[in-house]
């Protein structure tokens, strides 16, 4: 029986994956709990131009814009998966800053 079909190896692999995912979730939640972490996340989302309407420039910049947007979509998805309540805080904090 190869390692890939060994039930003990499979069980151990699943355990390692679960631990890694839990660690990623905890790390992400830790960052999102602080105002500083939320500001950094917002700046990254802004730079990704995730919601930009001029994404397709018709030249080589289009590929860069698509890659940038893809990272923004990934980050937004991570926020909504691991700390959706913190995204609301991000929006509230940004609105507060805009009113200053």
PDB file of N, CA and C in Angstrom:
ATOM      1  N   UNK A   1       0.847  -1.178   0.000  1.00  0.00           N
ATOM      2  CA  UNK A   1       0.000   0.000   0.000  1.00  0.00           C
ATOM      3  C   UNK A   1       0.892   1.240   0.000  1.00  0.00           C
ATOM      4  N   UNK A   2       0.641   2.162  -0.920  1.00  0.00           N
ATOM      5  CA  UNK A   2       1.458   3.375  -0.986  1.00  0.00           C
ATOM      6  C   UNK A   2       1.035   4.340   0.117  1.00  0.00           C
ATOM      7  N   UNK A   3       1.906   5.293   0.388  1.00  0.00           N
ATOM      8  CA  UNK A   3       1.596   6.286   1.421  1.00  0.00           C
ATOM      9  C   UNK A   3       0.311   7.042   1.119  1.00  0.00           C
ATOM     10  N   UNK A   4       0.044   7.302  -0.162  1.00  0.00           N
ATOM     11  CA  UNK A   4      -1.141   8.087  -0.526  1.00  0.00           C
ATOM     12  C   UNK A   4      -2.439   7.352  -0.240  1.00  0.00           C
ATOM     13  N   UNK A   5      -2.391   6.050  -0.134  1.00  0.00           N
ATOM     14  CA  UNK A   5      -3.608   5.283   0.133  1.00  0.00           C
ATOM     15  C   UNK A   5      -3.644   4.733   1.551  1.00  0.00           C
ATOM     16  N   UNK A   6      -2.606   4.970   2.316  1.00  0.00           N
ATOM     17  CA  UNK A   6      -2.538   4.517   3.693  1.00  0.00           C
ATOM     18  C   UNK A   6      -3.481   5.381   4.532  1.00  0.00           C
ATOM     19  N   UNK A   7      -4.492   4.785   5.177  1.00  0.00           N
ATOM     20  CA  UNK A   7      -5.467   5.556   5.959  1.00  0.00           C
ATOM     21  C   UNK A   7      -4.833   6.431   7.047  1.00  0.00           C
ATOM     22  N   UNK A   8      -3.743   5.946   7.656  1.00  0.00           N
ATOM     23  CA  UNK A   8      -3.081   6.738   8.697  1.00  0.00           C
ATOM     24  C   UNK A   8      -2.426   7.986   8.103  1.00  0.00           C
ATOM     25  N   UNK A   9      -1.820   7.837   6.933  1.00  0.00           N
ATOM     26  CA  UNK A   9      -1.186   8.973   6.260  1.00  0.00           C
ATOM     27  C   UNK A   9      -2.248   9.977   5.825  1.00  0.00           C
ATOM     28  N   UNK A  10      -3.355   9.486   5.310  1.00  0.00           N
ATOM     29  CA  UNK A  10      -4.451  10.360   4.887  1.00  0.00           C
ATOM     30  C   UNK A  10      -5.005  11.131   6.083  1.00  0.00           C
ATOM     31  N   UNK A  11      -5.207  10.431   7.187  1.00  0.00           N
ATOM     32  CA  UNK A  11      -5.738  11.061   8.402  1.00  0.00           C
ATOM     33  C   UNK A  11      -4.782  12.140   8.908  1.00  0.00           C
ATOM     34  N   UNK A  12      -3.505  11.841   8.913  1.00  0.00           N
ATOM     35  CA  UNK A  12      -2.498  12.806   9.363  1.00  0.00           C
ATOM     36  C   UNK A  12      -2.455  14.021   8.439  1.00  0.00           C
ATOM     37  N   UNK A  13      -2.550  13.771   7.143  1.00  0.00           N
ATOM     38  CA  UNK A  13      -2.563  14.872   6.176  1.00  0.00           C
ATOM     39  C   UNK A  13      -3.761  15.789   6.375  1.00  0.00           C
ATOM     40  N   UNK A  14      -4.919  15.206   6.627  1.00  0.00           N
ATOM     41  CA  UNK A  14      -6.125  16.005   6.872  1.00  0.00           C
ATOM     42  C   UNK A  14      -5.979  16.829   8.143  1.00  0.00           C
ATOM     43  N   UNK A  15      -5.345  16.232   9.141  1.00  0.00           N
ATOM     44  CA  UNK A  15      -5.133  16.940  10.403  1.00  0.00           C
ATOM     45  C   UNK A  15      -4.208  18.150  10.182  1.00  0.00           C
ATOM     46  N   UNK A  16      -3.147  17.941   9.410  1.00  0.00           N
ATOM     47  CA  UNK A  16      -2.206  19.028   9.123  1.00  0.00           C
ATOM     48  C   UNK A  16      -2.886  20.157   8.360  1.00  0.00           C
ATOM     49  N   UNK A  17      -3.713  19.820   7.391  1.00  0.00           N
ATOM     50  CA  UNK A  17      -4.433  20.827   6.617  1.00  0.00           C
ATOM     51  C   UNK A  17      -5.382  21.605   7.522  1.00  0.00           C
ATOM     52  N   UNK A  18      -6.101  20.906   8.384  1.00  0.00           N
ATOM     53  CA  UNK A  18      -7.036  21.566   9.298  1.00  0.00           C
ATOM     54  C   UNK A  18      -6.302  22.524  10.240  1.00  0.00           C
ATOM     55  N   UNK A  19      -5.148  22.112  10.731  1.00  0.00           N
ATOM     56  CA  UNK A  19      -4.362  22.978  11.612  1.00  0.00           C
ATOM     57  C   UNK A  19      -3.859  24.213  10.875  1.00  0.00           C
ATOM     58  N   UNK A  20      -3.396  24.019   9.649  1.00  0.00           N
ATOM     59  CA  UNK A  20      -2.908  25.148   8.850  1.00  0.00           C
ATOM     60  C   UNK A  20      -4.026  26.145   8.577  1.00  0.00           C
ATOM     61  N   UNK A  21      -5.201  25.639   8.219  1.00  0.00           N
ATOM     62  CA  UNK A  21      -6.335  26.518   7.939  1.00  0.00           C
ATOM     63  C   UNK A  21      -6.781  27.260   9.191  1.00  0.00           C
ATOM     64  N   UNK A  22      -6.778  26.578  10.322  1.00  0.00           N
ATOM     65  CA  UNK A  22      -7.142  27.235  11.578  1.00  0.00           C
ATOM     66  C   UNK A  22      -6.142  28.336  11.920  1.00  0.00           C
ATOM     67  N   UNK A  23      -4.858  28.071  11.694  1.00  0.00           N
ATOM     68  CA  UNK A  23      -3.829  29.080  11.959  1.00  0.00           C
ATOM     69  C   UNK A  23      -4.010  30.292  11.044  1.00  0.00           C
ATOM     70  N   UNK A  24      -4.284  30.058   9.769  1.00  0.00           N
ATOM     71  CA  UNK A  24      -4.516  31.165   8.832  1.00  0.00           C
ATOM     72  C   UNK A  24      -5.708  32.003   9.282  1.00  0.00           C
ATOM     73  N   UNK A  25      -6.774  31.347   9.704  1.00  0.00           N
ATOM     74  CA  UNK A  25      -7.973  32.053  10.157  1.00  0.00           C
ATOM     75  C   UNK A  25      -7.660  32.898  11.391  1.00  0.00           C
ATOM     76  N   UNK A  26      -6.951  32.313  12.351  1.00  0.00           N
ATOM     77  CA  UNK A  26      -6.581  33.047  13.562  1.00  0.00           C
ATOM     78  C   UNK A  26      -5.680  34.234  13.251  1.00  0.00           C
ATOM     79  N   UNK A  27      -4.705  34.030  12.377  1.00  0.00           N
ATOM     80  CA  UNK A  27      -3.811  35.123  11.984  1.00  0.00           C
ATOM     81  C   UNK A  27      -4.602  36.273  11.357  1.00  0.00           C
ATOM     82  N   UNK A  28      -5.493  35.925  10.471  1.00  0.00           N
ATOM     83  CA  UNK A  28      -6.287  36.926   9.769  1.00  0.00           C
ATOM     84  C   UNK A  28      -7.179  37.687  10.752  1.00  0.00           C
ATOM     85  N   UNK A  29      -7.826  36.967  11.649  1.00  0.00           N
ATOM     86  CA  UNK A  29      -8.693  37.611  12.630  1.00  0.00           C
ATOM     87  C   UNK A  29      -7.895  38.525  13.548  1.00  0.00           C
ATOM     88  N   UNK A  30      -6.684  38.124  13.897  1.00  0.00           N
ATOM     89  CA  UNK A  30      -5.829  38.958  14.741  1.00  0.00           C
ATOM     90  C   UNK A  30      -5.523  40.288  14.052  1.00  0.00           C
ATOM     91  N   UNK A  31      -5.161  40.231  12.792  1.00  0.00           N
ATOM     92  CA  UNK A  31      -4.858  41.451  12.037  1.00  0.00           C
ATOM     93  C   UNK A  31      -6.087  42.346  11.949  1.00  0.00           C
ATOM     94  N   UNK A  32      -7.236  41.744  11.693  1.00  0.00           N
ATOM     95  CA  UNK A  32      -8.454  42.519  11.486  1.00  0.00           C
ATOM     96  C   UNK A  32      -9.018  43.121  12.774  1.00  0.00           C
ATOM     97  N   UNK A  33      -8.569  42.663  13.935  1.00  0.00           N
ATOM     98  CA  UNK A  33      -9.079  43.191  15.202  1.00  0.00           C
ATOM     99  C   UNK A  33      -8.524  44.574  15.523  1.00  0.00           C
ATOM    100  N   UNK A  34      -7.382  44.907  14.964  1.00  0.00           N
ATOM    101  CA  UNK A  34      -6.778  46.197  15.299  1.00  0.00           C
ATOM    102  C   UNK A  34      -7.126  47.254  14.251  1.00  0.00           C
ATOM    103  N   UNK A  35      -7.292  48.500  14.681  1.00  0.00           N
ATOM    104  CA  UNK A  35      -7.542  49.575  13.719  1.00  0.00           C
ATOM    105  C   UNK A  35      -6.420  49.686  12.684  1.00  0.00           C
ATOM    106  N   UNK A  36      -5.191  49.469  13.134  1.00  0.00           N
ATOM    107  CA  UNK A  36      -4.053  49.542  12.219  1.00  0.00           C
ATOM    108  C   UNK A  36      -4.153  48.465  11.141  1.00  0.00           C
ATOM    109  N   UNK A  37      -4.495  47.252  11.550  1.00  0.00           N
ATOM    110  CA  UNK A  37      -4.634  46.160  10.591  1.00  0.00           C
ATOM    111  C   UNK A  37      -5.748  46.426   9.594  1.00  0.00           C
ATOM    112  N   UNK A  38      -6.872  46.965  10.087  1.00  0.00           N
ATOM    113  CA  UNK A  38      -7.994  47.275   9.194  1.00  0.00           C
ATOM    114  C   UNK A  38      -7.622  48.375   8.206  1.00  0.00           C
ATOM    115  N   UNK A  39      -6.851  49.373   8.677  1.00  0.00           N
ATOM    116  CA  UNK A  39      -6.424  50.441   7.752  1.00  0.00           C
ATOM    117  C   UNK A  39      -5.524  49.886   6.655  1.00  0.00           C
ATOM    118  N   UNK A  40      -4.606  48.993   7.033  1.00  0.00           N
ATOM    119  CA  UNK A  40      -3.729  48.379   6.027  1.00  0.00           C
ATOM    120  C   UNK A  40      -4.563  47.581   5.027  1.00  0.00           C
ATOM    121  N   UNK A  41      -5.499  46.799   5.511  1.00  0.00           N
ATOM    122  CA  UNK A  41      -6.354  46.013   4.614  1.00  0.00           C
ATOM    123  C   UNK A  41      -7.123  46.925   3.663  1.00  0.00           C
ATOM    124  N   UNK A  42      -7.645  48.030   4.176  1.00  0.00           N
ATOM    125  CA  UNK A  42      -8.399  48.951   3.328  1.00  0.00           C
ATOM    126  C   UNK A  42      -7.493  49.558   2.258  1.00  0.00           C
ATOM    127  N   UNK A  43      -6.273  49.945   2.641  1.00  0.00           N
ATOM    128  CA  UNK A  43      -5.345  50.511   1.654  1.00  0.00           C
ATOM    129  C   UNK A  43      -5.025  49.501   0.553  1.00  0.00           C
ATOM    130  N   UNK A  44      -4.863  48.246   0.935  1.00  0.00           N
ATOM    131  CA  UNK A  44      -4.599  47.208  -0.065  1.00  0.00           C
ATOM    132  C   UNK A  44      -5.807  47.056  -0.988  1.00  0.00           C
ATOM    133  N   UNK A  45      -7.013  47.028  -0.404  1.00  0.00           N
ATOM    134  CA  UNK A  45      -8.221  46.927  -1.231  1.00  0.00           C
ATOM    135  C   UNK A  45      -8.336  48.113  -2.175  1.00  0.00           C
ATOM    136  N   UNK A  46      -8.033  49.310  -1.687  1.00  0.00           N
ATOM    137  CA  UNK A  46      -8.077  50.496  -2.557  1.00  0.00           C
ATOM    138  C   UNK A  46      -7.074  50.377  -3.701  1.00  0.00           C
ATOM    139  N   UNK A  47      -5.859  49.965  -3.386  1.00  0.00           N
ATOM    140  CA  UNK A  47      -4.824  49.836  -4.406  1.00  0.00           C
ATOM    141  C   UNK A  47      -5.140  48.754  -5.428  1.00  0.00           C
ATOM    142  N   UNK A  48      -5.941  47.773  -5.024  1.00  0.00           N
ATOM    143  CA  UNK A  48      -6.287  46.699  -5.956  1.00  0.00           C
ATOM    144  C   UNK A  48      -7.256  47.173  -7.031  1.00  0.00           C
ATOM    145  N   UNK A  49      -7.903  48.313  -6.766  1.00  0.00           N
ATOM    146  CA  UNK A  49      -8.899  48.861  -7.699  1.00  0.00           C
ATOM    147  C   UNK A  49      -9.944  47.804  -8.050  1.00  0.00           C
ATOM    148  N   UNK A  50     -10.330  47.057  -7.014  1.00  0.00           N
ATOM    149  CA  UNK A  50     -11.265  45.959  -7.171  1.00  0.00           C
ATOM    150  C   UNK A  50     -12.583  46.408  -7.801  1.00  0.00           C
ATOM    151  N   UNK A  51     -13.007  47.611  -7.488  1.00  0.00           N
ATOM    152  CA  UNK A  51     -14.289  48.099  -7.992  1.00  0.00           C
ATOM    153  C   UNK A  51     -14.137  49.113  -9.121  1.00  0.00           C
ATOM    154  N   UNK A  52     -12.949  49.247  -9.660  1.00  0.00           N
ATOM    155  CA  UNK A  52     -12.710  50.233 -10.719  1.00  0.00           C
ATOM    156  C   UNK A  52     -13.462  49.881 -11.994  1.00  0.00           C
ATOM    157  N   UNK A  53     -13.940  50.906 -12.671  1.00  0.00           N
ATOM    158  CA  UNK A  53     -14.649  50.687 -13.928  1.00  0.00           C
ATOM    159  C   UNK A  53     -13.705  50.747 -15.130  1.00  0.00           C
ATOM    160  N   UNK A  54     -12.512  51.295 -14.936  1.00  0.00           N
ATOM    161  CA  UNK A  54     -11.565  51.427 -16.048  1.00  0.00           C
ATOM    162  C   UNK A  54     -10.503  50.330 -16.016  1.00  0.00           C
ATOM    163  N   UNK A  55     -10.900  49.144 -15.645  1.00  0.00           N
ATOM    164  CA  UNK A  55      -9.989  48.022 -15.499  1.00  0.00           C
ATOM    165  C   UNK A  55      -9.314  47.644 -16.814  1.00  0.00           C
ATOM    166  N   UNK A  56     -10.062  47.692 -17.901  1.00  0.00           N
ATOM    167  CA  UNK A  56      -9.551  47.255 -19.195  1.00  0.00           C
ATOM    168  C   UNK A  56      -9.092  48.459 -19.997  1.00  0.00           C
ATOM    169  N   UNK A  57      -7.793  48.701 -19.950  1.00  0.00           N
ATOM    170  CA  UNK A  57      -7.223  49.869 -20.602  1.00  0.00           C
ATOM    171  C   UNK A  57      -6.971  49.634 -22.095  1.00  0.00           C
ATOM    172  N   UNK A  58      -7.030  48.380 -22.523  1.00  0.00           N
ATOM    173  CA  UNK A  58      -6.812  48.077 -23.926  1.00  0.00           C
ATOM    174  C   UNK A  58      -5.354  47.929 -24.312  1.00  0.00           C
ATOM    175  N   UNK A  59      -4.478  47.875 -23.354  1.00  0.00           N
ATOM    176  CA  UNK A  59      -3.053  47.686 -23.653  1.00  0.00           C
ATOM    177  C   UNK A  59      -2.439  46.784 -22.589  1.00  0.00           C
ATOM    178  N   UNK A  60      -1.120  46.830 -22.451  1.00  0.00           N
ATOM    179  CA  UNK A  60      -0.455  45.932 -21.503  1.00  0.00           C
ATOM    180  C   UNK A  60      -0.845  46.207 -20.053  1.00  0.00           C
ATOM    181  N   UNK A  61      -1.345  47.392 -19.770  1.00  0.00           N
ATOM    182  CA  UNK A  61      -1.786  47.695 -18.403  1.00  0.00           C
ATOM    183  C   UNK A  61      -2.982  46.843 -17.990  1.00  0.00           C
ATOM    184  N   UNK A  62      -3.731  46.371 -18.959  1.00  0.00           N
ATOM    185  CA  UNK A  62      -4.906  45.554 -18.648  1.00  0.00           C
ATOM    186  C   UNK A  62      -4.509  44.330 -17.839  1.00  0.00           C
ATOM    187  N   UNK A  63      -3.429  43.665 -18.229  1.00  0.00           N
ATOM    188  CA  UNK A  63      -2.988  42.468 -17.500  1.00  0.00           C
ATOM    189  C   UNK A  63      -2.580  42.800 -16.071  1.00  0.00           C
ATOM    190  N   UNK A  64      -1.900  43.916 -15.898  1.00  0.00           N
ATOM    191  CA  UNK A  64      -1.510  44.344 -14.555  1.00  0.00           C
ATOM    192  C   UNK A  64      -2.759  44.651 -13.734  1.00  0.00           C
ATOM    193  N   UNK A  65      -3.699  45.365 -14.335  1.00  0.00           N
ATOM    194  CA  UNK A  65      -4.938  45.713 -13.633  1.00  0.00           C
ATOM    195  C   UNK A  65      -5.734  44.472 -13.236  1.00  0.00           C
ATOM    196  N   UNK A  66      -5.783  43.492 -14.111  1.00  0.00           N
ATOM    197  CA  UNK A  66      -6.520  42.267 -13.814  1.00  0.00           C
ATOM    198  C   UNK A  66      -5.855  41.519 -12.658  1.00  0.00           C
ATOM    199  N   UNK A  67      -4.536  41.453 -12.660  1.00  0.00           N
ATOM    200  CA  UNK A  67      -3.820  40.803 -11.561  1.00  0.00           C
ATOM    201  C   UNK A  67      -4.020  41.531 -10.245  1.00  0.00           C
ATOM    202  N   UNK A  68      -3.955  42.841 -10.301  1.00  0.00           N
ATOM    203  CA  UNK A  68      -4.171  43.653  -9.106  1.00  0.00           C
ATOM    204  C   UNK A  68      -5.586  43.430  -8.572  1.00  0.00           C
ATOM    205  N   UNK A  69      -6.551  43.449  -9.462  1.00  0.00           N
ATOM    206  CA  UNK A  69      -7.953  43.247  -9.079  1.00  0.00           C
ATOM    207  C   UNK A  69      -8.147  41.846  -8.487  1.00  0.00           C
ATOM    208  N   UNK A  70      -7.500  40.853  -9.079  1.00  0.00           N
ATOM    209  CA  UNK A  70      -7.621  39.483  -8.594  1.00  0.00           C
ATOM    210  C   UNK A  70      -7.157  39.381  -7.140  1.00  0.00           C
ATOM    211  N   UNK A  71      -6.065  40.061  -6.796  1.00  0.00           N
ATOM    212  CA  UNK A  71      -5.587  40.054  -5.416  1.00  0.00           C
ATOM    213  C   UNK A  71      -6.581  40.756  -4.494  1.00  0.00           C
ATOM    214  N   UNK A  72      -7.204  41.826  -4.971  1.00  0.00           N
ATOM    215  CA  UNK A  72      -8.219  42.513  -4.177  1.00  0.00           C
ATOM    216  C   UNK A  72      -9.427  41.636  -3.929  1.00  0.00           C
ATOM    217  N   UNK A  73      -9.845  40.923  -4.940  1.00  0.00           N
ATOM    218  CA  UNK A  73     -10.984  40.008  -4.785  1.00  0.00           C
ATOM    219  C   UNK A  73     -10.630  38.905  -3.794  1.00  0.00           C
ATOM    220  N   UNK A  74      -9.403  38.391  -3.881  1.00  0.00           N
ATOM    221  CA  UNK A  74      -8.964  37.369  -2.930  1.00  0.00           C
ATOM    222  C   UNK A  74      -8.994  37.915  -1.505  1.00  0.00           C
ATOM    223  N   UNK A  75      -8.449  39.128  -1.305  1.00  0.00           N
ATOM    224  CA  UNK A  75      -8.412  39.708   0.033  1.00  0.00           C
ATOM    225  C   UNK A  75      -9.824  39.954   0.554  1.00  0.00           C
ATOM    226  N   UNK A  76     -10.692  40.491  -0.275  1.00  0.00           N
ATOM    227  CA  UNK A  76     -12.080  40.721   0.125  1.00  0.00           C
ATOM    228  C   UNK A  76     -12.745  39.400   0.524  1.00  0.00           C
ATOM    229  N   UNK A  77     -12.515  38.359  -0.246  1.00  0.00           N
ATOM    230  CA  UNK A  77     -13.085  37.040   0.053  1.00  0.00           C
ATOM    231  C   UNK A  77     -12.568  36.529   1.399  1.00  0.00           C
ATOM    232  N   UNK A  78     -11.285  36.702   1.655  1.00  0.00           N
ATOM    233  CA  UNK A  78     -10.710  36.288   2.934  1.00  0.00           C
ATOM    234  C   UNK A  78     -11.345  37.060   4.090  1.00  0.00           C
ATOM    235  N   UNK A  79     -11.499  38.362   3.927  1.00  0.00           N
ATOM    236  CA  UNK A  79     -12.133  39.181   4.965  1.00  0.00           C
ATOM    237  C   UNK A  79     -13.541  38.674   5.236  1.00  0.00           C
ATOM    238  N   UNK A  80     -14.304  38.453   4.183  1.00  0.00           N
ATOM    239  CA  UNK A  80     -15.696  38.047   4.348  1.00  0.00           C
ATOM    240  C   UNK A  80     -15.810  36.619   4.897  1.00  0.00           C
ATOM    241  N   UNK A  81     -14.807  35.807   4.663  1.00  0.00           N
ATOM    242  CA  UNK A  81     -14.838  34.439   5.185  1.00  0.00           C
ATOM    243  C   UNK A  81     -14.436  34.377   6.657  1.00  0.00           C
ATOM    244  N   UNK A  82     -13.390  35.142   7.025  1.00  0.00           N
ATOM    245  CA  UNK A  82     -12.818  35.011   8.359  1.00  0.00           C
ATOM    246  C   UNK A  82     -13.240  36.099   9.343  1.00  0.00           C
ATOM    247  N   UNK A  83     -13.623  37.258   8.843  1.00  0.00           N
ATOM    248  CA  UNK A  83     -13.943  38.365   9.762  1.00  0.00           C
ATOM    249  C   UNK A  83     -14.930  39.339   9.116  1.00  0.00           C
ATOM    250  N   UNK A  84     -16.104  38.869   8.709  1.00  0.00           N
ATOM    251  CA  UNK A  84     -17.041  39.759   8.004  1.00  0.00           C
ATOM    252  C   UNK A  84     -17.472  40.958   8.837  1.00  0.00           C
ATOM    253  N   UNK A  85     -17.584  40.778  10.144  1.00  0.00           N
ATOM    254  CA  UNK A  85     -17.986  41.899  10.994  1.00  0.00           C
ATOM    255  C   UNK A  85     -16.931  42.996  11.005  1.00  0.00           C
ATOM    256  N   UNK A  86     -15.694  42.625  10.776  1.00  0.00           N
ATOM    257  CA  UNK A  86     -14.613  43.606  10.739  1.00  0.00           C
ATOM    258  C   UNK A  86     -14.652  44.431   9.451  1.00  0.00           C
ATOM    259  N   UNK A  87     -15.210  43.866   8.384  1.00  0.00           N
ATOM    260  CA  UNK A  87     -15.331  44.651   7.146  1.00  0.00           C
ATOM    261  C   UNK A  87     -16.289  45.815   7.363  1.00  0.00           C
ATOM    262  N   UNK A  88     -17.342  45.577   8.123  1.00  0.00           N
ATOM    263  CA  UNK A  88     -18.273  46.663   8.443  1.00  0.00           C
ATOM    264  C   UNK A  88     -17.543  47.744   9.225  1.00  0.00           C
ATOM    265  N   UNK A  89     -16.674  47.331  10.145  1.00  0.00           N
ATOM    266  CA  UNK A  89     -15.874  48.307  10.894  1.00  0.00           C
ATOM    267  C   UNK A  89     -14.964  49.099   9.961  1.00  0.00           C
ATOM    268  N   UNK A  90     -14.378  48.415   8.981  1.00  0.00           N
ATOM    269  CA  UNK A  90     -13.518  49.109   8.017  1.00  0.00           C
ATOM    270  C   UNK A  90     -14.311  50.214   7.328  1.00  0.00           C
ATOM    271  N   UNK A  91     -15.489  49.880   6.859  1.00  0.00           N
ATOM    272  CA  UNK A  91     -16.318  50.864   6.160  1.00  0.00           C
ATOM    273  C   UNK A  91     -16.691  52.019   7.079  1.00  0.00           C
ATOM    274  N   UNK A  92     -17.071  51.720   8.310  1.00  0.00           N
ATOM    275  CA  UNK A  92     -17.428  52.764   9.265  1.00  0.00           C
ATOM    276  C   UNK A  92     -16.239  53.679   9.548  1.00  0.00           C
ATOM    277  N   UNK A  93     -15.079  53.099   9.734  1.00  0.00           N
ATOM    278  CA  UNK A  93     -13.885  53.889  10.016  1.00  0.00           C
ATOM    279  C   UNK A  93     -13.499  54.756   8.822  1.00  0.00           C
ATOM    280  N   UNK A  94     -13.656  54.233   7.622  1.00  0.00           N
ATOM    281  CA  UNK A  94     -13.333  55.016   6.426  1.00  0.00           C
ATOM    282  C   UNK A  94     -14.304  56.187   6.264  1.00  0.00           C
ATOM    283  N   UNK A  95     -15.574  55.926   6.528  1.00  0.00           N
ATOM    284  CA  UNK A  95     -16.564  56.998   6.427  1.00  0.00           C
ATOM    285  C   UNK A  95     -16.273  58.095   7.456  1.00  0.00           C
ATOM    286  N   UNK A  96     -15.866  57.686   8.637  1.00  0.00           N
ATOM    287  CA  UNK A  96     -15.518  58.640   9.688  1.00  0.00           C
ATOM    288  C   UNK A  96     -14.323  59.496   9.254  1.00  0.00           C
ATOM    289  N   UNK A  97     -13.325  58.854   8.665  1.00  0.00           N
ATOM    290  CA  UNK A  97     -12.132  59.590   8.186  1.00  0.00           C
ATOM    291  C   UNK A  97     -12.487  60.560   7.056  1.00  0.00           C
ATOM    292  N   UNK A  98     -13.390  60.153   6.196  1.00  0.00           N
ATOM    293  CA  UNK A  98     -13.776  61.003   5.064  1.00  0.00           C
ATOM    294  C   UNK A  98     -14.506  62.256   5.526  1.00  0.00           C
ATOM    295  N   UNK A  99     -15.180  62.179   6.655  1.00  0.00           N
ATOM    296  CA  UNK A  99     -15.934  63.316   7.174  1.00  0.00           C
ATOM    297  C   UNK A  99     -15.044  64.329   7.875  1.00  0.00           C
ATOM    298  N   UNK A 100     -13.808  63.952   8.190  1.00  0.00           N
ATOM    299  CA  UNK A 100     -12.882  64.880   8.857  1.00  0.00           C
ATOM    300  C   UNK A 100     -12.458  65.993   7.943  1.00  0.00           C
TER     301      UNK A 100
END
